[in-house]
Amino acid sequence: MNYKMILYTVGQVLIIEAMLLILPMAVCAVYLEWFSLLCFAVSAAIAASIGGALVLFMKKRDRRIYAKEGLIIVSLCWIAVSLIGALPFVLSGDIPSYTDALFETVSGFTTTGATILRDIESLGRGVLFWRSFTHWIGGMGVLVFVMAILSRSPDRSMNILRAEMPGPIVDKLVPRARDTAKILYIIYIGLTALLIIFLLLGGMPLYDSVIHAFGTAGTGGFSINNDSIAGYNHYIQWVIAVFMLLFGVNFNLYYLILIRKYKTAFKSGELRFYLALFVISAALVLYGIYPLYENFSDALRLAVFQTSSIMTTTGYTTADFTLWNAPIAKAVLILLMFIGSCAGSTAGGFKVSRVIILLKKLGNEFRRSLHPRTASIVKFEDKRVDEATLGGVGNYLAVYTVSFIVIVLLLSFERAFSFEANFTAAASCFNNIGPLYDNIAGGGTFANYSVFSKMVLSLSMLLGRLEIYPLLLTLNPGVWIKK
């Protein structure tokens, strides 16, 4: 175990976080929020001090990062940025409880969008900017961002990229992992900038446009309004609905489009399944809620927006869908909570690619039961899926299911809340979605949950974003024993 390299990388990440805290400081200066600016400055100084010390004392020549180190580095870096990122909320007094501030910060970085805040609009502009900026940072990945801007020798950085990027299969776009990270961020920044332009064209103020672009790009869902997106015009709601869907697409496909391999990109089986699932789900939601609204266009807009929001695990809302008297709509949205979007996107959930592989594997097993001598293989994107990947997808489903059950059981100690509230709270946080499905838990927020439950849910958000294994490996004492 390369302990020094692990801590050295954590130190680098904390220094980067200190630099990123300068942006909300600038926002505070623009809006004359001097006390909040001071709180961000103190937080940045703490991050820079700890990070600088780790970089100074842990630097060594051996920079090799193997699979195990990659998983642990990713896990520790996400924990570290969350612990420091919570400080501005506490120091400013906007969220006095550190547990609540940590919950909000983890929710931001993991792009979950779950909140303990009842009155979001009471917060200062600088704090709200940082709250949503964490979505954008975490959307593509904290370590992917660091890899994109820091120079690294061929020290197996791909092990970090694979550990942080969601999905069963992660490939380099180009030979060097660092160049892959750069390409991903160029696409990410470009799409974010394009969204800001479209929002501005719809009459949304610049500050609001940037904030909601962060939330949409990271598929996080933090808004600056108590009613989320509902107060904006229909054009803006349609734009955000479309871009949520776009950010749920595998970013590798955007790279293929950039290099003009259009045929390969649009032949993607994952993309076709993703879009087909979206269309069918939106149609079912529309069928369920159409009787509740006066006209077809409103029902269509709400159905498309909410389906896109839940499927991409963003969590923005244009209506209180918990009050919809439409069982089919609620059932579809709950199912989409678990499926999520494409691998290699900023969205959470189980991932469409895993669903496709599992369905194909089940189909093969069914054919084998009928024709035992038939040789059959599983293909994904016109490539044969090896046995290791097939086994990995099956194992992940088992670990995913067990983890979710444990989270629900731990939340069940909350006797004040219904099983439905605890179940959807677990689903919302574990799949990085955000909104609650049962308002009994606190007006759509997690404010009324106990400190214990908030810590469980914070852990579940990290488990879901890092896809379980990095965090479980880090918490395993046997991994840290020197052999």
Protein backbone atom coordinates (compact mmCIF):
# COMPACT_ATOMS: atom_id res chain seq x y z
CA MET A 1 0.00 0.00 0.00
CA ASN A 2 1.47 3.33 -1.09
CA TYR A 3 0.31 5.34 1.96
CA LYS A 4 2.31 8.44 1.15
CA MET A 5 0.95 8.68 -2.38
CA ILE A 6 -2.60 8.36 -1.05
CA LEU A 7 -2.18 11.21 1.44
CA TYR A 8 -0.17 13.25 -1.08
CA THR A 9 -3.08 13.09 -3.54
CA VAL A 10 -5.58 14.03 -0.80
CA GLY A 11 -3.38 17.04 -0.07
CA GLN A 12 -3.41 18.07 -3.73
CA VAL A 13 -7.20 17.84 -3.81
CA LEU A 14 -7.54 20.02 -0.69
CA ILE A 15 -5.28 22.67 -2.25
CA ILE A 16 -7.48 22.64 -5.35
CA GLU A 17 -10.56 22.98 -3.13
CA ALA A 18 -8.97 26.00 -1.42
CA MET A 19 -8.52 27.59 -4.86
CA LEU A 20 -12.11 26.80 -5.84
CA LEU A 21 -13.36 28.54 -2.68
CA ILE A 22 -12.09 31.80 -4.20
CA LEU A 23 -15.04 31.81 -6.63
CA PRO A 24 -17.75 32.10 -3.93
CA MET A 25 -15.54 34.71 -2.26
CA ALA A 26 -15.73 36.75 -5.46
CA VAL A 27 -19.51 36.35 -5.51
CA CYS A 28 -19.66 37.54 -1.89
CA ALA A 29 -17.61 40.61 -2.87
CA VAL A 30 -19.97 41.42 -5.77
CA TYR A 31 -23.01 41.27 -3.47
CA LEU A 32 -21.19 43.00 -0.55
CA GLU A 33 -21.50 39.97 1.75
CA TRP A 34 -18.30 40.67 3.67
CA PHE A 35 -18.87 38.35 6.62
CA SER A 36 -19.58 35.41 4.31
CA LEU A 37 -16.45 36.31 2.33
CA LEU A 38 -14.43 36.08 5.54
CA CYS A 39 -15.96 32.67 6.31
CA PHE A 40 -14.97 31.39 2.88
CA ALA A 41 -11.47 32.81 3.31
CA VAL A 42 -11.03 31.02 6.64
CA SER A 43 -12.28 27.77 5.10
CA ALA A 44 -9.91 28.17 2.16
CA ALA A 45 -7.00 28.83 4.54
CA ILE A 46 -7.79 25.66 6.50
CA ALA A 47 -8.02 23.60 3.30
CA ALA A 48 -4.77 25.07 1.96
CA SER A 49 -2.93 24.51 5.27
CA ILE A 50 -3.93 20.87 5.61
CA GLY A 51 -3.41 20.20 1.92
CA GLY A 52 -0.05 21.96 1.85
CA ALA A 53 1.17 20.00 4.87
CA LEU A 54 0.17 16.69 3.29
CA VAL A 55 1.84 17.57 -0.02
CA LEU A 56 5.02 18.79 1.72
CA PHE A 57 5.50 15.86 4.08
CA MET A 58 4.08 13.01 2.00
CA LYS A 59 5.88 13.70 -1.27
CA LYS A 60 7.94 10.74 -2.45
CA ARG A 61 9.44 9.35 -5.60
CA ASP A 62 7.25 6.27 -5.78
CA ARG A 63 4.08 7.58 -7.43
CA ARG A 64 2.63 4.27 -8.54
CA ILE A 65 -1.11 3.93 -8.05
CA TYR A 66 -2.58 0.47 -8.32
CA ALA A 67 -6.27 -0.48 -8.31
CA LYS A 68 -6.50 -0.64 -4.51
CA GLU A 69 -4.80 2.73 -4.01
CA GLY A 70 -7.03 4.23 -6.72
CA LEU A 71 -10.19 3.18 -4.90
CA ILE A 72 -8.96 4.44 -1.54
CA ILE A 73 -7.72 7.76 -2.96
CA VAL A 74 -11.11 8.45 -4.52
CA SER A 75 -12.94 7.62 -1.30
CA LEU A 76 -10.70 9.67 1.00
CA CYS A 77 -10.67 12.66 -1.36
CA TRP A 78 -14.47 12.79 -1.48
CA ILE A 79 -14.65 12.58 2.31
CA ALA A 80 -11.97 15.28 2.72
CA VAL A 81 -13.57 17.81 0.34
CA SER A 82 -16.94 17.26 2.03
CA LEU A 83 -15.54 17.81 5.54
CA ILE A 84 -13.86 21.06 4.49
CA GLY A 85 -16.65 22.14 2.14
CA ALA A 86 -19.12 22.15 5.05
CA LEU A 87 -17.17 24.80 6.96
CA PRO A 88 -18.52 27.92 5.15
CA PHE A 89 -22.10 26.91 5.99
CA VAL A 90 -21.26 26.56 9.69
CA LEU A 91 -18.97 29.59 10.01
CA SER A 92 -21.48 31.87 8.27
CA GLY A 93 -24.28 30.67 10.56
CA ASP A 94 -26.51 29.72 7.61
CA ILE A 95 -26.42 26.08 8.77
CA PRO A 96 -25.26 26.19 12.43
CA SER A 97 -25.19 22.41 12.91
CA TYR A 98 -22.07 20.79 11.45
CA THR A 99 -24.01 17.53 10.88
CA ASP A 100 -26.59 19.42 8.82
CA ALA A 101 -23.85 21.33 6.97
CA LEU A 102 -22.01 18.09 6.20
CA PHE A 103 -25.25 16.52 4.92
CA GLU A 104 -25.82 19.52 2.64
CA THR A 105 -22.22 19.47 1.40
CA VAL A 106 -22.15 15.73 0.73
CA SER A 107 -25.46 16.14 -1.05
CA GLY A 108 -23.87 18.85 -3.18
CA PHE A 109 -20.64 17.06 -4.12
CA THR A 110 -22.42 13.75 -4.79
CA THR A 111 -24.94 15.67 -6.94
CA THR A 112 -27.82 14.30 -4.87
CA GLY A 113 -29.68 17.54 -4.19
CA ALA A 114 -31.23 16.39 -0.91
CA THR A 115 -31.49 19.28 1.54
CA ILE A 116 -32.16 20.04 5.18
CA LEU A 117 -33.04 23.67 4.36
CA ARG A 118 -36.66 24.75 4.69
CA ASP A 119 -36.13 28.33 3.48
CA ILE A 120 -33.47 28.30 0.76
CA GLU A 121 -34.15 31.90 -0.26
CA SER A 122 -32.96 33.20 3.14
CA LEU A 123 -29.34 32.24 2.38
CA GLY A 124 -26.79 34.72 1.03
CA ARG A 125 -25.76 34.77 -2.63
CA GLY A 126 -22.21 33.59 -1.94
CA VAL A 127 -23.34 30.61 0.14
CA LEU A 128 -25.95 29.64 -2.45
CA PHE A 129 -23.29 29.87 -5.17
CA TRP A 130 -20.98 27.50 -3.26
CA ARG A 131 -23.89 25.16 -2.54
CA SER A 132 -24.61 24.77 -6.26
CA PHE A 133 -20.98 24.94 -7.36
CA THR A 134 -20.36 21.73 -5.40
CA HIS A 135 -22.76 20.06 -7.87
CA TRP A 136 -20.67 21.15 -10.81
CA ILE A 137 -17.41 20.06 -9.19
CA GLY A 138 -18.78 16.68 -8.18
CA GLY A 139 -20.70 16.05 -11.39
CA MET A 140 -17.74 14.97 -13.48
CA GLY A 141 -15.72 13.90 -10.46
CA VAL A 142 -13.36 15.58 -8.02
CA LEU A 143 -10.37 13.44 -9.05
CA VAL A 144 -11.16 13.74 -12.76
CA PHE A 145 -10.91 17.51 -12.29
CA VAL A 146 -7.56 17.19 -10.50
CA MET A 147 -6.22 14.84 -13.19
CA ALA A 148 -7.26 17.31 -15.87
CA ILE A 149 -5.28 20.22 -14.43
CA LEU A 150 -2.31 18.57 -12.72
CA SER A 151 0.59 17.02 -14.57
CA ARG A 152 1.00 13.31 -13.93
CA SER A 153 3.49 10.82 -15.26
CA PRO A 154 2.22 7.40 -16.42
CA ASP A 155 1.60 6.31 -12.82
CA ARG A 156 -1.50 4.27 -13.45
CA SER A 157 -3.83 7.27 -13.11
CA MET A 158 -6.38 5.20 -15.03
CA ASN A 159 -7.03 3.37 -11.77
CA ILE A 160 -8.32 6.66 -10.32
CA LEU A 161 -10.43 7.39 -13.39
CA ARG A 162 -12.01 3.93 -13.28
CA ALA A 163 -12.65 4.20 -9.53
CA GLU A 164 -14.47 7.52 -9.84
CA MET A 165 -16.34 7.31 -13.15
CA PRO A 166 -19.67 5.49 -12.80
CA GLY A 167 -20.58 2.38 -14.78
CA PRO A 168 -19.41 -1.19 -15.32
CA ILE A 169 -16.89 -0.33 -18.06
CA VAL A 170 -14.64 2.75 -18.22
CA ASP A 171 -12.31 3.19 -21.19
CA LYS A 172 -9.82 5.88 -22.03
CA LEU A 173 -10.85 8.14 -24.91
CA VAL A 174 -7.19 8.69 -25.75
CA PRO A 175 -4.03 6.83 -24.66
CA ARG A 176 -3.27 9.03 -21.62
CA ALA A 177 -5.72 9.13 -18.71
CA ARG A 178 -4.92 12.80 -18.08
CA ASP A 179 -5.83 13.70 -21.66
CA THR A 180 -9.07 11.73 -21.28
CA ALA A 181 -9.88 13.81 -18.19
CA LYS A 182 -9.18 17.03 -20.12
CA ILE A 183 -11.46 16.00 -22.98
CA LEU A 184 -14.26 15.13 -20.56
CA TYR A 185 -13.97 18.52 -18.87
CA ILE A 186 -13.86 20.43 -22.16
CA ILE A 187 -17.14 18.76 -23.16
CA TYR A 188 -18.56 19.38 -19.68
CA ILE A 189 -17.64 23.08 -19.69
CA GLY A 190 -18.92 23.52 -23.24
CA LEU A 191 -22.33 22.03 -22.47
CA THR A 192 -22.58 24.07 -19.25
CA ALA A 193 -21.78 27.31 -21.12
CA LEU A 194 -24.31 26.44 -23.83
CA LEU A 195 -26.99 25.89 -21.19
CA ILE A 196 -26.24 29.26 -19.57
CA ILE A 197 -26.69 30.97 -22.95
CA PHE A 198 -30.05 29.26 -23.54
CA LEU A 199 -31.26 30.24 -20.05
CA LEU A 200 -30.20 33.85 -20.58
CA LEU A 201 -32.12 33.89 -23.86
CA GLY A 202 -35.20 32.82 -21.90
CA GLY A 203 -34.98 35.84 -19.62
CA MET A 204 -33.37 34.17 -16.61
CA PRO A 205 -30.95 36.51 -14.75
CA LEU A 206 -27.21 35.73 -15.08
CA TYR A 207 -26.79 34.64 -11.44
CA ASP A 208 -29.82 32.35 -11.64
CA SER A 209 -28.62 30.97 -14.99
CA VAL A 210 -25.19 30.05 -13.63
CA ILE A 211 -26.64 28.45 -10.50
CA HIS A 212 -29.17 26.34 -12.38
CA ALA A 213 -26.62 25.42 -15.03
CA PHE A 214 -24.41 24.04 -12.25
CA GLY A 215 -27.33 22.02 -10.89
CA THR A 216 -28.34 20.73 -14.32
CA ALA A 217 -24.82 19.92 -15.54
CA GLY A 218 -24.00 18.02 -12.36
CA THR A 219 -27.51 16.50 -12.37
CA GLY A 220 -27.73 17.70 -8.78
CA GLY A 221 -30.84 19.84 -8.48
CA PHE A 222 -29.98 22.53 -5.92
CA SER A 223 -31.97 25.65 -6.72
CA ILE A 224 -32.02 29.14 -5.20
CA ASN A 225 -35.82 29.07 -4.96
CA ASN A 226 -38.04 27.25 -2.50
CA ASP A 227 -40.25 26.12 -5.40
CA SER A 228 -37.24 24.90 -7.44
CA ILE A 229 -37.90 25.59 -11.17
CA ALA A 230 -41.68 26.06 -10.93
CA GLY A 231 -41.49 29.87 -10.84
CA TYR A 232 -39.72 30.21 -14.18
CA ASN A 233 -41.41 30.41 -17.58
CA HIS A 234 -42.24 27.39 -19.71
CA TYR A 235 -39.35 27.99 -22.12
CA ILE A 236 -36.83 27.74 -19.28
CA GLN A 237 -38.48 24.59 -17.95
CA TRP A 238 -38.26 22.95 -21.39
CA VAL A 239 -34.60 23.98 -21.79
CA ILE A 240 -33.65 22.52 -18.41
CA ALA A 241 -35.63 19.34 -19.13
CA VAL A 242 -33.73 18.82 -22.41
CA PHE A 243 -30.31 19.55 -20.88
CA MET A 244 -30.94 17.25 -17.92
CA LEU A 245 -31.52 14.51 -20.49
CA LEU A 246 -28.32 15.50 -22.35
CA PHE A 247 -26.20 15.35 -19.20
CA GLY A 248 -27.53 11.85 -18.56
CA VAL A 249 -25.87 10.63 -21.79
CA ASN A 250 -22.49 8.87 -21.75
CA PHE A 251 -19.89 11.59 -22.39
CA ASN A 252 -17.89 9.22 -24.59
CA LEU A 253 -20.62 9.67 -27.20
CA TYR A 254 -20.11 13.44 -27.25
CA TYR A 255 -16.42 12.82 -27.91
CA LEU A 256 -17.33 10.55 -30.84
CA ILE A 257 -19.56 13.33 -32.20
CA LEU A 258 -16.73 15.86 -31.84
CA ILE A 259 -14.40 13.68 -33.91
CA ARG A 260 -17.22 13.19 -36.43
CA LYS A 261 -17.89 9.54 -35.77
CA TYR A 262 -21.62 10.21 -35.89
CA LYS A 263 -22.61 6.72 -37.02
CA THR A 264 -20.78 5.06 -34.14
CA ALA A 265 -22.25 7.49 -31.62
CA PHE A 266 -25.86 7.13 -32.72
CA LYS A 267 -25.55 3.34 -33.06
CA SER A 268 -24.97 3.11 -29.30
CA GLY A 269 -27.31 0.53 -27.80
CA GLU A 270 -27.09 2.24 -24.42
CA LEU A 271 -28.20 5.57 -25.94
CA ARG A 272 -31.12 3.97 -27.75
CA PHE A 273 -32.26 2.11 -24.64
CA TYR A 274 -31.89 5.30 -22.57
CA LEU A 275 -33.98 7.40 -24.96
CA ALA A 276 -36.59 4.66 -25.44
CA LEU A 277 -36.91 4.27 -21.67
CA PHE A 278 -37.34 8.04 -21.32
CA VAL A 279 -40.04 8.26 -24.01
CA ILE A 280 -42.01 5.29 -22.63
CA SER A 281 -41.72 6.55 -19.04
CA ALA A 282 -42.76 10.10 -19.95
CA ALA A 283 -45.75 8.73 -21.88
CA LEU A 284 -46.85 6.66 -18.87
CA VAL A 285 -46.47 9.63 -16.52
CA LEU A 286 -48.43 11.78 -18.97
CA TYR A 287 -51.17 9.15 -19.09
CA GLY A 288 -51.34 9.18 -15.30
CA ILE A 289 -51.42 12.93 -14.71
CA TYR A 290 -53.37 14.15 -17.76
CA PRO A 291 -56.73 14.04 -15.89
CA LEU A 292 -55.22 16.23 -13.15
CA TYR A 293 -54.49 19.21 -15.41
CA GLU A 294 -56.60 21.48 -17.56
CA ASN A 295 -54.79 21.06 -20.86
CA PHE A 296 -52.52 18.63 -22.68
CA SER A 297 -49.54 21.01 -23.07
CA ASP A 298 -49.21 21.58 -19.29
CA ALA A 299 -49.49 17.86 -18.58
CA LEU A 300 -46.90 17.08 -21.28
CA ARG A 301 -44.46 19.68 -19.97
CA LEU A 302 -44.76 18.47 -16.39
CA ALA A 303 -44.50 14.81 -17.39
CA VAL A 304 -41.40 15.36 -19.56
CA PHE A 305 -39.70 17.59 -16.99
CA GLN A 306 -40.29 15.30 -14.01
CA THR A 307 -39.37 12.16 -15.94
CA SER A 308 -36.14 13.78 -17.14
CA SER A 309 -35.38 15.08 -13.64
CA ILE A 310 -35.87 11.75 -11.86
CA MET A 311 -34.33 9.56 -14.58
CA THR A 312 -31.17 11.67 -14.65
CA THR A 313 -31.22 11.84 -10.82
CA THR A 314 -31.21 15.66 -10.98
CA GLY A 315 -34.16 16.33 -8.69
CA TYR A 316 -35.45 19.67 -9.97
CA THR A 317 -39.22 19.99 -9.74
CA THR A 318 -41.90 22.05 -11.49
CA ALA A 319 -44.77 20.53 -9.50
CA ASP A 320 -45.26 18.76 -6.19
CA PHE A 321 -45.39 15.29 -7.68
CA THR A 322 -45.82 13.77 -4.20
CA LEU A 323 -49.41 15.05 -4.35
CA TRP A 324 -50.21 13.53 -7.75
CA ASN A 325 -53.16 11.19 -7.43
CA ALA A 326 -51.73 9.04 -10.21
CA PRO A 327 -50.39 5.63 -9.10
CA ILE A 328 -48.91 4.78 -12.50
CA ALA A 329 -46.94 8.06 -12.59
CA LYS A 330 -45.58 7.53 -9.08
CA ALA A 331 -44.68 3.90 -9.81
CA VAL A 332 -42.77 4.86 -12.96
CA LEU A 333 -40.84 7.63 -11.20
CA ILE A 334 -39.89 5.34 -8.30
CA LEU A 335 -38.62 2.74 -10.78
CA LEU A 336 -36.57 5.40 -12.58
CA MET A 337 -35.00 6.36 -9.24
CA PHE A 338 -33.22 3.02 -9.24
CA ILE A 339 -32.35 2.71 -12.93
CA GLY A 340 -30.80 6.15 -13.42
CA SER A 341 -29.05 7.17 -16.63
CA CYS A 342 -26.06 6.14 -18.75
CA ALA A 343 -22.66 5.09 -17.49
CA GLY A 344 -20.04 7.79 -17.98
CA SER A 345 -22.57 10.57 -17.37
CA THR A 346 -22.96 12.88 -14.38
CA ALA A 347 -26.13 11.05 -13.25
CA GLY A 348 -26.54 8.45 -10.51
CA GLY A 349 -28.58 5.28 -10.14
CA PHE A 350 -27.84 1.67 -11.09
CA LYS A 351 -27.06 2.74 -14.68
CA VAL A 352 -28.71 1.83 -17.98
CA SER A 353 -25.65 -0.10 -19.17
CA ARG A 354 -25.89 -2.50 -16.24
CA VAL A 355 -29.60 -2.99 -16.87
CA ILE A 356 -28.89 -3.85 -20.52
CA ILE A 357 -26.12 -6.31 -19.62
CA LEU A 358 -28.29 -7.99 -16.97
CA LEU A 359 -31.23 -8.30 -19.36
CA LYS A 360 -29.00 -9.83 -22.04
CA LYS A 361 -27.47 -12.19 -19.51
CA LEU A 362 -30.93 -13.29 -18.35
CA GLY A 363 -31.95 -13.82 -21.98
CA ASN A 364 -28.91 -16.01 -22.53
CA GLU A 365 -29.63 -18.04 -19.41
CA PHE A 366 -33.21 -18.56 -20.58
CA ARG A 367 -32.02 -19.76 -24.00
CA ARG A 368 -29.52 -22.10 -22.37
CA SER A 369 -32.27 -23.67 -20.29
CA LEU A 370 -34.14 -24.44 -23.52
CA HIS A 371 -31.10 -25.38 -25.59
CA PRO A 372 -28.29 -26.50 -23.23
CA ARG A 373 -25.79 -27.10 -26.03
CA THR A 374 -26.21 -23.66 -27.57
CA ALA A 375 -23.14 -21.44 -27.23
CA SER A 376 -24.22 -17.89 -26.51
CA ILE A 377 -22.35 -14.73 -25.68
CA VAL A 378 -23.40 -11.37 -24.29
CA LYS A 379 -22.60 -8.34 -26.46
CA PHE A 380 -22.69 -4.70 -25.43
CA GLU A 381 -22.07 -1.94 -27.98
CA ASP A 382 -21.13 -4.64 -30.55
CA LYS A 383 -18.37 -5.94 -28.29
CA ARG A 384 -18.29 -9.20 -26.40
CA VAL A 385 -18.71 -8.73 -22.65
CA ASP A 386 -16.12 -10.88 -20.88
CA GLU A 387 -17.00 -13.14 -17.97
CA ALA A 388 -15.26 -10.84 -15.48
CA THR A 389 -17.52 -7.91 -16.44
CA LEU A 390 -20.63 -10.11 -16.41
CA GLY A 391 -19.71 -11.37 -12.96
CA GLY A 392 -18.94 -7.85 -11.83
CA VAL A 393 -22.37 -6.57 -12.89
CA GLY A 394 -24.07 -9.45 -11.08
CA ASN A 395 -21.96 -8.90 -7.97
CA TYR A 396 -22.67 -5.17 -8.04
CA LEU A 397 -26.41 -5.86 -8.17
CA ALA A 398 -26.08 -8.08 -5.09
CA VAL A 399 -23.99 -5.52 -3.16
CA TYR A 400 -26.28 -2.70 -4.33
CA THR A 401 -29.38 -4.56 -3.09
CA VAL A 402 -27.85 -5.49 0.27
CA SER A 403 -26.58 -1.92 0.81
CA PHE A 404 -30.00 -0.46 0.08
CA ILE A 405 -31.72 -2.89 2.45
CA VAL A 406 -29.26 -2.03 5.23
CA ILE A 407 -29.85 1.72 4.71
CA VAL A 408 -33.63 1.24 4.87
CA LEU A 409 -33.30 -0.84 8.05
CA LEU A 410 -31.10 1.78 9.72
CA LEU A 411 -33.60 4.51 8.83
CA SER A 412 -36.40 2.39 10.26
CA PHE A 413 -35.25 3.40 13.74
CA GLU A 414 -36.96 6.72 12.89
CA ARG A 415 -40.35 5.81 14.34
CA ALA A 416 -41.86 9.19 13.56
CA PHE A 417 -41.77 8.56 9.82
CA SER A 418 -43.66 6.10 7.67
CA PHE A 419 -42.00 3.20 5.89
CA GLU A 420 -42.73 4.96 2.59
CA ALA A 421 -40.87 8.09 3.77
CA ASN A 422 -37.84 6.09 4.93
CA PHE A 423 -37.84 3.90 1.81
CA THR A 424 -37.92 6.84 -0.58
CA ALA A 425 -35.40 8.76 1.57
CA ALA A 426 -33.01 5.82 1.20
CA ALA A 427 -33.73 5.52 -2.53
CA SER A 428 -33.34 9.27 -3.01
CA CYS A 429 -29.96 9.51 -1.26
CA PHE A 430 -28.47 6.16 -2.32
CA ASN A 431 -29.31 6.83 -5.98
CA ASN A 432 -28.25 10.52 -5.71
CA ILE A 433 -31.66 11.91 -6.69
CA GLY A 434 -32.63 14.34 -3.93
CA PRO A 435 -36.36 14.97 -3.51
CA LEU A 436 -38.40 13.09 -0.93
CA TYR A 437 -41.49 11.25 -2.03
CA ASP A 438 -43.27 11.67 1.29
CA ASN A 439 -43.70 15.14 2.76
CA ILE A 440 -44.17 13.75 6.27
CA ALA A 441 -40.41 13.83 6.64
CA GLY A 442 -40.32 17.63 6.68
CA GLY A 443 -41.94 19.47 3.81
CA GLY A 444 -39.88 17.70 1.16
CA THR A 445 -36.64 18.20 3.11
CA PHE A 446 -34.61 15.95 5.40
CA ALA A 447 -34.65 18.51 8.24
CA ASN A 448 -36.63 16.39 10.69
CA TYR A 449 -34.40 13.34 10.51
CA SER A 450 -32.16 12.67 13.52
CA VAL A 451 -28.40 13.21 13.58
CA PHE A 452 -27.88 9.44 13.28
CA SER A 453 -30.14 9.18 10.23
CA LYS A 454 -28.52 12.19 8.57
CA MET A 455 -25.11 10.55 8.97
CA VAL A 456 -26.49 7.29 7.54
CA LEU A 457 -27.96 9.19 4.58
CA SER A 458 -24.71 11.15 4.07
CA LEU A 459 -22.84 7.85 3.93
CA SER A 460 -25.43 6.42 1.55
CA MET A 461 -24.97 9.41 -0.80
CA LEU A 462 -21.23 8.75 -0.91
CA LEU A 463 -21.84 5.02 -1.41
CA GLY A 464 -24.15 5.74 -4.33
CA ARG A 465 -21.90 8.30 -6.03
CA LEU A 466 -18.74 6.20 -5.69
CA GLU A 467 -20.65 3.01 -6.54
CA ILE A 468 -20.08 1.32 -3.17
CA TYR A 469 -16.72 -0.42 -3.58
CA PRO A 470 -14.28 2.48 -2.92
CA LEU A 471 -15.97 3.41 0.36
CA LEU A 472 -16.40 -0.19 1.55
CA LEU A 473 -12.75 -0.89 0.75
CA THR A 474 -11.63 2.20 2.66
CA LEU A 475 -13.70 1.25 5.71
CA ASN A 476 -12.27 -2.29 5.73
CA PRO A 477 -9.49 -2.40 8.42
CA GLY A 478 -7.80 -5.33 6.68
CA VAL A 479 -6.96 -3.17 3.67
CA TRP A 480 -4.77 -0.88 5.75
CA ILE A 481 -2.67 -3.65 7.27
CA LYS A 482 0.83 -3.66 5.84
CA LYS A 483 1.81 -7.01 4.34
